């Protein structure tokens, strides 16, 4: 059982319902090559004492990287301080 846990790859997506989390390596690669991966969350919410349904459109995967400056080759990065 432990060996199976060690070989399992973890993929996650914040803010998206469990039903929407069918992520694959192909989807990650498509996003890195300029695509977008979107999802729609649906659920129930109480508003002023009334139960209502809602839909929320979310960007599930994005290649945007705000921690470092991505260089034109798309692979290498530099600290943001060099570009401010």
Protein backbone atom coordinates (compact mmCIF):
# COMPACT_ATOMS: atom_id res chain seq x y z
CA UNK A 1 0.00 0.00 0.00
CA UNK A 2 2.83 2.43 0.84
CA UNK A 3 4.52 1.79 -2.51
CA UNK A 4 1.32 2.73 -4.37
CA UNK A 5 1.10 6.00 -2.42
CA UNK A 6 4.72 6.86 -3.25
CA UNK A 7 4.19 6.36 -7.00
CA UNK A 8 0.98 8.41 -7.16
CA UNK A 9 1.37 11.83 -8.83
CA UNK A 10 -0.38 14.73 -7.13
CA UNK A 11 -2.13 17.34 -9.29
CA UNK A 12 -4.24 20.05 -7.69
CA UNK A 13 -6.29 23.07 -8.63
CA UNK A 14 -7.39 25.58 -5.99
CA UNK A 15 -10.98 26.78 -5.84
CA UNK A 16 -12.43 24.22 -8.24
CA UNK A 17 -14.95 21.57 -7.17
CA UNK A 18 -13.82 17.95 -6.96
CA UNK A 19 -15.96 17.02 -9.99
CA UNK A 20 -13.98 19.47 -12.12
CA UNK A 21 -10.54 18.15 -11.14
CA UNK A 22 -9.93 15.80 -14.06
CA UNK A 23 -6.45 17.17 -14.77
CA UNK A 24 -4.02 15.43 -17.08
CA UNK A 25 -0.46 16.11 -18.18
CA UNK A 26 -1.81 16.98 -21.63
CA UNK A 27 -3.90 19.81 -20.13
CA UNK A 28 -0.86 21.16 -18.27
CA UNK A 29 1.19 21.06 -21.48
CA UNK A 30 -1.55 22.80 -23.51
CA UNK A 31 -1.67 25.64 -20.96
CA UNK A 32 2.12 26.03 -21.06
CA UNK A 33 1.87 26.35 -24.86
CA UNK A 34 -0.53 29.29 -24.61
CA UNK A 35 -3.92 27.74 -23.94
CA UNK A 36 -6.37 28.21 -21.07
CA UNK A 37 -8.21 25.65 -19.02
CA UNK A 38 -11.49 26.89 -17.54
CA UNK A 39 -14.07 25.31 -15.24
CA UNK A 40 -17.54 26.16 -13.96
CA UNK A 41 -18.42 25.68 -10.29
CA UNK A 42 -22.12 25.18 -9.53
CA UNK A 43 -23.72 25.04 -6.15
CA UNK A 44 -26.23 26.37 -3.63
CA UNK A 45 -25.96 29.51 -1.54
CA UNK A 46 -28.29 31.15 0.99
CA UNK A 47 -28.93 34.82 0.14
CA UNK A 48 -31.17 36.81 2.53
CA UNK A 49 -32.78 33.65 3.86
CA UNK A 50 -33.48 32.20 0.39
CA UNK A 51 -31.71 29.21 -1.14
CA UNK A 52 -30.31 30.03 -4.59
CA UNK A 53 -28.20 28.23 -7.14
CA UNK A 54 -25.10 29.82 -8.60
CA UNK A 55 -22.56 29.33 -11.37
CA UNK A 56 -19.02 30.60 -11.07
CA UNK A 57 -16.62 30.51 -14.02
CA UNK A 58 -12.98 30.03 -13.00
CA UNK A 59 -9.65 29.80 -14.70
CA UNK A 60 -8.54 26.32 -13.61
CA UNK A 61 -5.02 26.36 -15.05
CA UNK A 62 -2.90 29.29 -16.17
CA UNK A 63 0.69 29.70 -17.28
CA UNK A 64 0.86 33.14 -15.59
CA UNK A 65 3.77 33.23 -13.14
CA UNK A 66 3.90 36.25 -10.84
CA UNK A 67 6.82 35.22 -8.64
CA UNK A 68 9.61 35.73 -11.20
CA UNK A 69 10.11 37.38 -14.60
CA UNK A 70 9.87 34.78 -17.38
CA UNK A 71 12.45 35.38 -20.12
CA UNK A 72 11.54 35.32 -23.85
CA UNK A 73 12.65 31.69 -24.22
CA UNK A 74 9.72 30.73 -21.96
CA UNK A 75 11.87 28.51 -19.75
CA UNK A 76 14.36 30.64 -17.82
CA UNK A 77 13.43 33.23 -15.20
CA UNK A 78 14.98 36.16 -13.33
CA UNK A 79 14.03 37.89 -10.08
CA UNK A 80 11.37 40.56 -10.58
CA UNK A 81 13.61 43.20 -8.93
CA UNK A 82 15.66 43.39 -12.16
CA UNK A 83 12.59 44.53 -14.13
CA UNK A 84 10.91 47.02 -11.81
